[in-house]
Amino acid sequence: MKNLLQKTIIALSLSFAIVGSAQNHKHNTGFKMPALNPKSALAELSGNHVGIRVPDYDAAIKWYTEKLDFRIIHEWPYADEKLAYLAPANTNDFWIEILAGGKLSEPIVYNDLGKSLEKAGFHHICMDVTSVDKTVAELKKRGVTIVGDTFYLPAIGRKLAFFQDPWGNMIELSELVKK
């Protein structure tokens, strides 16, 4: 199971890199982007989804749909697991795959962003928002666990905040700040 978890973490990290690179031409990144390379032998790669492992399918579906307003795209069983694709309220360009059931180890739940950075492997997914403050206020009203304080990171020109689902999966909010 530990080997499977490590492979899942590596796959998620690669998925995030692919999602990030494929999505860059679809939104304002705030960076001068290098030219796209349609002649690449791997030019067909584009982001699709990120898998999130949870112990309780119904609780995860309820949390993501009620707390984050995600929509259920598709549900299916696989071996001793239940799975579903979920998409945010207003886009079909980014999905989360819920993988529930089967054997799981205990999640690591953080209350400190700095401590969360000490573990190698998958760390978080990131969602763009137009206002981190507005989104954090809404998440707090919905009882979502915010990890640390909102902060501005000059190196990337973004205001950031982090929160967790009930199973310790970290989610970043990113607001492009024009200066």
C-alpha atoms as a PDB file:
ATOM      1  CA  MET A   1       0.000   0.000   0.000  1.00  0.00           C
ATOM      2  CA  LYS A   2       2.885   2.379   0.833  1.00  0.00           C
ATOM      3  CA  ASN A   3       4.369   1.758  -2.634  1.00  0.00           C
ATOM      4  CA  LEU A   4       0.973   2.470  -4.237  1.00  0.00           C
ATOM      5  CA  LEU A   5       0.677   5.701  -2.241  1.00  0.00           C
ATOM      6  CA  GLN A   6       4.170   6.794  -3.330  1.00  0.00           C
ATOM      7  CA  LYS A   7       3.324   6.071  -6.976  1.00  0.00           C
ATOM      8  CA  THR A   8       0.063   8.013  -6.595  1.00  0.00           C
ATOM      9  CA  ILE A   9       1.925  10.992  -5.134  1.00  0.00           C
ATOM     10  CA  ILE A  10       4.416  10.981  -8.021  1.00  0.00           C
ATOM     11  CA  ALA A  11       1.585  10.702 -10.559  1.00  0.00           C
ATOM     12  CA  LEU A  12      -0.255  13.595  -8.910  1.00  0.00           C
ATOM     13  CA  SER A  13       2.860  15.766  -8.974  1.00  0.00           C
ATOM     14  CA  LEU A  14       3.284  15.068 -12.687  1.00  0.00           C
ATOM     15  CA  SER A  15      -0.421  15.734 -13.279  1.00  0.00           C
ATOM     16  CA  PHE A  16      -0.116  19.130 -11.625  1.00  0.00           C
ATOM     17  CA  ALA A  17       2.863  20.027 -13.785  1.00  0.00           C
ATOM     18  CA  ILE A  18       0.966  18.994 -16.897  1.00  0.00           C
ATOM     19  CA  VAL A  19      -2.225  20.777 -15.770  1.00  0.00           C
ATOM     20  CA  GLY A  20      -0.222  23.923 -15.056  1.00  0.00           C
ATOM     21  CA  SER A  21       1.564  23.959 -18.391  1.00  0.00           C
ATOM     22  CA  ALA A  22      -1.559  23.127 -20.384  1.00  0.00           C
ATOM     23  CA  GLN A  23      -3.664  25.717 -18.570  1.00  0.00           C
ATOM     24  CA  ASN A  24      -1.159  28.585 -18.903  1.00  0.00           C
ATOM     25  CA  HIS A  25      -2.428  29.674 -22.301  1.00  0.00           C
ATOM     26  CA  LYS A  26      -6.031  29.765 -21.018  1.00  0.00           C
ATOM     27  CA  HIS A  27      -5.643  32.336 -18.240  1.00  0.00           C
ATOM     28  CA  ASN A  28      -3.572  35.352 -17.309  1.00  0.00           C
ATOM     29  CA  THR A  29      -0.492  33.906 -15.642  1.00  0.00           C
ATOM     30  CA  GLY A  30       1.200  37.195 -14.878  1.00  0.00           C
ATOM     31  CA  PHE A  31       4.382  35.798 -16.457  1.00  0.00           C
ATOM     32  CA  LYS A  32       5.893  36.210 -19.901  1.00  0.00           C
ATOM     33  CA  MET A  33       5.154  32.737 -21.189  1.00  0.00           C
ATOM     34  CA  PRO A  34       7.468  30.895 -23.568  1.00  0.00           C
ATOM     35  CA  ALA A  35       5.987  30.048 -26.949  1.00  0.00           C
ATOM     36  CA  LEU A  36       3.839  26.947 -27.201  1.00  0.00           C
ATOM     37  CA  ASN A  37       5.519  24.035 -28.968  1.00  0.00           C
ATOM     38  CA  PRO A  38       2.936  22.306 -31.174  1.00  0.00           C
ATOM     39  CA  LYS A  39       5.736  20.419 -32.984  1.00  0.00           C
ATOM     40  CA  SER A  40       6.759  18.563 -29.816  1.00  0.00           C
ATOM     41  CA  ALA A  41       6.372  14.801 -29.955  1.00  0.00           C
ATOM     42  CA  LEU A  42       4.388  15.235 -26.718  1.00  0.00           C
ATOM     43  CA  ALA A  43       2.326  18.245 -27.832  1.00  0.00           C
ATOM     44  CA  GLU A  44      -0.898  16.327 -27.239  1.00  0.00           C
ATOM     45  CA  LEU A  45      -0.344  16.303 -23.449  1.00  0.00           C
ATOM     46  CA  SER A  46      -2.812  18.450 -21.570  1.00  0.00           C
ATOM     47  CA  GLY A  47      -4.212  18.434 -18.067  1.00  0.00           C
ATOM     48  CA  ASN A  48      -7.311  16.442 -17.232  1.00  0.00           C
ATOM     49  CA  HIS A  49      -7.681  15.747 -13.507  1.00  0.00           C
ATOM     50  CA  VAL A  50      -5.989  15.226 -10.161  1.00  0.00           C
ATOM     51  CA  GLY A  51      -6.822  12.196  -8.023  1.00  0.00           C
ATOM     52  CA  ILE A  52      -7.505  12.675  -4.315  1.00  0.00           C
ATOM     53  CA  ARG A  53      -7.543   9.631  -2.041  1.00  0.00           C
ATOM     54  CA  VAL A  54     -10.157   9.691   0.726  1.00  0.00           C
ATOM     55  CA  PRO A  55     -11.508   7.065   3.140  1.00  0.00           C
ATOM     56  CA  ASP A  56     -15.226   7.914   2.842  1.00  0.00           C
ATOM     57  CA  TYR A  57     -16.821   8.383  -0.573  1.00  0.00           C
ATOM     58  CA  ASP A  58     -20.121   9.870   0.572  1.00  0.00           C
ATOM     59  CA  ALA A  59     -18.420  12.279   2.992  1.00  0.00           C
ATOM     60  CA  ALA A  60     -15.975  13.407   0.281  1.00  0.00           C
ATOM     61  CA  ILE A  61     -18.713  13.979  -2.296  1.00  0.00           C
ATOM     62  CA  LYS A  62     -20.722  15.901   0.298  1.00  0.00           C
ATOM     63  CA  TRP A  63     -17.707  18.021   1.355  1.00  0.00           C
ATOM     64  CA  TYR A  64     -16.548  18.939  -2.163  1.00  0.00           C
ATOM     65  CA  THR A  65     -20.067  19.655  -3.431  1.00  0.00           C
ATOM     66  CA  GLU A  66     -21.294  21.557  -0.351  1.00  0.00           C
ATOM     67  CA  LYS A  67     -18.138  23.344   0.789  1.00  0.00           C
ATOM     68  CA  LEU A  68     -16.612  24.098  -2.642  1.00  0.00           C
ATOM     69  CA  ASP A  69     -19.703  23.901  -4.895  1.00  0.00           C
ATOM     70  CA  PHE A  70     -18.041  21.297  -7.136  1.00  0.00           C
ATOM     71  CA  ARG A  71     -20.304  19.447  -9.586  1.00  0.00           C
ATOM     72  CA  ILE A  72     -20.353  15.675 -10.045  1.00  0.00           C
ATOM     73  CA  ILE A  73     -19.295  14.857 -13.613  1.00  0.00           C
ATOM     74  CA  HIS A  74     -19.270  11.041 -13.448  1.00  0.00           C
ATOM     75  CA  GLU A  75     -19.281   8.259 -10.810  1.00  0.00           C
ATOM     76  CA  TRP A  76     -18.171   4.609 -11.063  1.00  0.00           C
ATOM     77  CA  PRO A  77     -16.942   1.624  -9.023  1.00  0.00           C
ATOM     78  CA  TYR A  78     -13.501   0.054  -9.361  1.00  0.00           C
ATOM     79  CA  ALA A  79     -12.553  -3.080  -7.381  1.00  0.00           C
ATOM     80  CA  ASP A  80     -13.232  -2.217  -3.709  1.00  0.00           C
ATOM     81  CA  GLU A  81     -13.321   1.529  -4.386  1.00  0.00           C
ATOM     82  CA  LYS A  82     -15.836   4.151  -5.517  1.00  0.00           C
ATOM     83  CA  LEU A  83     -14.663   6.959  -7.768  1.00  0.00           C
ATOM     84  CA  ALA A  84     -16.031  10.206  -9.155  1.00  0.00           C
ATOM     85  CA  TYR A  85     -14.930  13.109 -11.296  1.00  0.00           C
ATOM     86  CA  LEU A  86     -15.828  16.523  -9.867  1.00  0.00           C
ATOM     87  CA  ALA A  87     -15.440  19.960 -11.461  1.00  0.00           C
ATOM     88  CA  PRO A  88     -15.604  23.449  -9.917  1.00  0.00           C
ATOM     89  CA  ALA A  89     -18.839  25.420 -10.162  1.00  0.00           C
ATOM     90  CA  ASN A  90     -17.899  27.478 -13.208  1.00  0.00           C
ATOM     91  CA  THR A  91     -15.330  25.594 -15.278  1.00  0.00           C
ATOM     92  CA  ASN A  92     -14.968  22.272 -17.047  1.00  0.00           C
ATOM     93  CA  ASP A  93     -11.212  22.734 -17.553  1.00  0.00           C
ATOM     94  CA  PHE A  94     -10.081  21.270 -14.214  1.00  0.00           C
ATOM     95  CA  TRP A  95     -11.368  18.139 -12.482  1.00  0.00           C
ATOM     96  CA  ILE A  96     -10.715  16.332  -9.236  1.00  0.00           C
ATOM     97  CA  GLU A  97     -11.058  12.568  -9.102  1.00  0.00           C
ATOM     98  CA  ILE A  98     -12.259  11.232  -5.758  1.00  0.00           C
ATOM     99  CA  LEU A  99     -10.902   7.746  -4.999  1.00  0.00           C
ATOM    100  CA  ALA A 100     -12.544   6.233  -1.908  1.00  0.00           C
ATOM    101  CA  GLY A 101     -12.577   2.903  -0.161  1.00  0.00           C
ATOM    102  CA  GLY A 102      -9.953   0.205  -0.099  1.00  0.00           C
ATOM    103  CA  LYS A 103      -7.078   0.232   2.387  1.00  0.00           C
ATOM    104  CA  LEU A 104      -5.658   3.601   3.448  1.00  0.00           C
ATOM    105  CA  SER A 105      -3.087   4.849   5.910  1.00  0.00           C
ATOM    106  CA  GLU A 106      -3.919   7.724   8.270  1.00  0.00           C
ATOM    107  CA  PRO A 107      -3.791  11.172   6.608  1.00  0.00           C
ATOM    108  CA  ILE A 108      -1.435  13.905   7.736  1.00  0.00           C
ATOM    109  CA  VAL A 109      -3.482  16.927   8.747  1.00  0.00           C
ATOM    110  CA  TYR A 110      -1.577  20.217   9.117  1.00  0.00           C
ATOM    111  CA  ASN A 111      -2.328  23.338  11.109  1.00  0.00           C
ATOM    112  CA  ASP A 112       0.887  25.050  10.002  1.00  0.00           C
ATOM    113  CA  LEU A 113       1.848  25.728   6.363  1.00  0.00           C
ATOM    114  CA  GLY A 114       5.581  25.624   7.156  1.00  0.00           C
ATOM    115  CA  LYS A 115       5.289  22.137   8.687  1.00  0.00           C
ATOM    116  CA  SER A 116       3.378  20.933   5.635  1.00  0.00           C
ATOM    117  CA  LEU A 117       6.379  21.811   3.453  1.00  0.00           C
ATOM    118  CA  GLU A 118       8.618  19.336   5.327  1.00  0.00           C
ATOM    119  CA  LYS A 119       7.065  16.262   3.684  1.00  0.00           C
ATOM    120  CA  ALA A 120       8.386  15.191   0.297  1.00  0.00           C
ATOM    121  CA  GLY A 121       5.997  14.382  -2.533  1.00  0.00           C
ATOM    122  CA  PHE A 122       2.581  15.755  -3.336  1.00  0.00           C
ATOM    123  CA  HIS A 123       1.784  18.963  -1.465  1.00  0.00           C
ATOM    124  CA  HIS A 124      -1.263  20.773  -2.893  1.00  0.00           C
ATOM    125  CA  ILE A 125      -3.461  21.663  -5.808  1.00  0.00           C
ATOM    126  CA  CYS A 126      -3.954  25.304  -6.726  1.00  0.00           C
ATOM    127  CA  MET A 127      -7.111  27.088  -7.788  1.00  0.00           C
ATOM    128  CA  ASP A 128      -7.079  30.570  -9.353  1.00  0.00           C
ATOM    129  CA  VAL A 129      -9.482  33.102  -7.848  1.00  0.00           C
ATOM    130  CA  THR A 130     -10.088  36.791  -8.488  1.00  0.00           C
ATOM    131  CA  SER A 131     -10.109  37.570  -4.747  1.00  0.00           C
ATOM    132  CA  VAL A 132      -8.358  35.410  -2.165  1.00  0.00           C
ATOM    133  CA  ASP A 133      -9.855  37.467   0.680  1.00  0.00           C
ATOM    134  CA  LYS A 134     -13.426  37.057  -0.597  1.00  0.00           C
ATOM    135  CA  THR A 135     -12.947  33.324  -1.200  1.00  0.00           C
ATOM    136  CA  VAL A 136     -11.339  32.728   2.217  1.00  0.00           C
ATOM    137  CA  ALA A 137     -14.195  34.613   3.912  1.00  0.00           C
ATOM    138  CA  GLU A 138     -16.742  32.394   2.135  1.00  0.00           C
ATOM    139  CA  LEU A 139     -14.812  29.217   2.982  1.00  0.00           C
ATOM    140  CA  LYS A 140     -14.654  30.253   6.659  1.00  0.00           C
ATOM    141  CA  LYS A 141     -18.443  30.784   6.633  1.00  0.00           C
ATOM    142  CA  ARG A 142     -18.743  27.219   5.321  1.00  0.00           C
ATOM    143  CA  GLY A 143     -16.536  25.814   8.093  1.00  0.00           C
ATOM    144  CA  VAL A 144     -13.532  25.005   5.891  1.00  0.00           C
ATOM    145  CA  THR A 145     -10.162  24.670   7.676  1.00  0.00           C
ATOM    146  CA  ILE A 146      -7.834  27.485   6.588  1.00  0.00           C
ATOM    147  CA  VAL A 147      -4.130  26.685   7.081  1.00  0.00           C
ATOM    148  CA  GLY A 148      -2.097  29.718   8.150  1.00  0.00           C
ATOM    149  CA  ASP A 149      -2.675  33.297   7.091  1.00  0.00           C
ATOM    150  CA  THR A 150      -3.200  34.800   3.647  1.00  0.00           C
ATOM    151  CA  PHE A 151       0.068  36.221   2.314  1.00  0.00           C
ATOM    152  CA  TYR A 152       1.545  37.997  -0.702  1.00  0.00           C
ATOM    153  CA  LEU A 153       4.489  36.357  -2.513  1.00  0.00           C
ATOM    154  CA  PRO A 154       6.324  39.037  -4.535  1.00  0.00           C
ATOM    155  CA  ALA A 155       8.427  36.492  -6.477  1.00  0.00           C
ATOM    156  CA  ILE A 156       5.304  35.342  -8.330  1.00  0.00           C
ATOM    157  CA  GLY A 157       3.081  38.419  -7.901  1.00  0.00           C
ATOM    158  CA  ARG A 158       0.320  36.532  -6.135  1.00  0.00           C
ATOM    159  CA  LYS A 159      -1.728  36.649  -2.965  1.00  0.00           C
ATOM    160  CA  LEU A 160      -2.050  33.114  -1.607  1.00  0.00           C
ATOM    161  CA  ALA A 161      -4.014  31.173   0.976  1.00  0.00           C
ATOM    162  CA  PHE A 162      -4.193  27.478   1.814  1.00  0.00           C
ATOM    163  CA  PHE A 163      -6.974  25.263   3.128  1.00  0.00           C
ATOM    164  CA  GLN A 164      -7.552  21.551   3.628  1.00  0.00           C
ATOM    165  CA  ASP A 165     -10.271  19.070   3.027  1.00  0.00           C
ATOM    166  CA  PRO A 166     -11.141  16.877   6.040  1.00  0.00           C
ATOM    167  CA  TRP A 167      -8.555  14.273   4.951  1.00  0.00           C
ATOM    168  CA  GLY A 168      -5.583  16.654   4.917  1.00  0.00           C
ATOM    169  CA  ASN A 169      -5.450  17.316   1.152  1.00  0.00           C
ATOM    170  CA  MET A 170      -4.069  20.842   0.750  1.00  0.00           C
ATOM    171  CA  ILE A 171      -5.648  23.308  -1.680  1.00  0.00           C
ATOM    172  CA  GLU A 172      -4.076  26.655  -2.543  1.00  0.00           C
ATOM    173  CA  LEU A 173      -5.940  29.763  -3.620  1.00  0.00           C
ATOM    174  CA  SER A 174      -4.010  32.081  -5.923  1.00  0.00           C
ATOM    175  CA  GLU A 175      -4.900  35.657  -6.847  1.00  0.00           C
ATOM    176  CA  LEU A 176      -2.802  37.455  -9.474  1.00  0.00           C
ATOM    177  CA  VAL A 177      -1.930  40.876  -8.044  1.00  0.00           C
ATOM    178  CA  LYS A 178      -1.191  43.553 -10.614  1.00  0.00           C
ATOM    179  CA  LYS A 179       1.326  46.110  -9.332  1.00  0.00           C
END
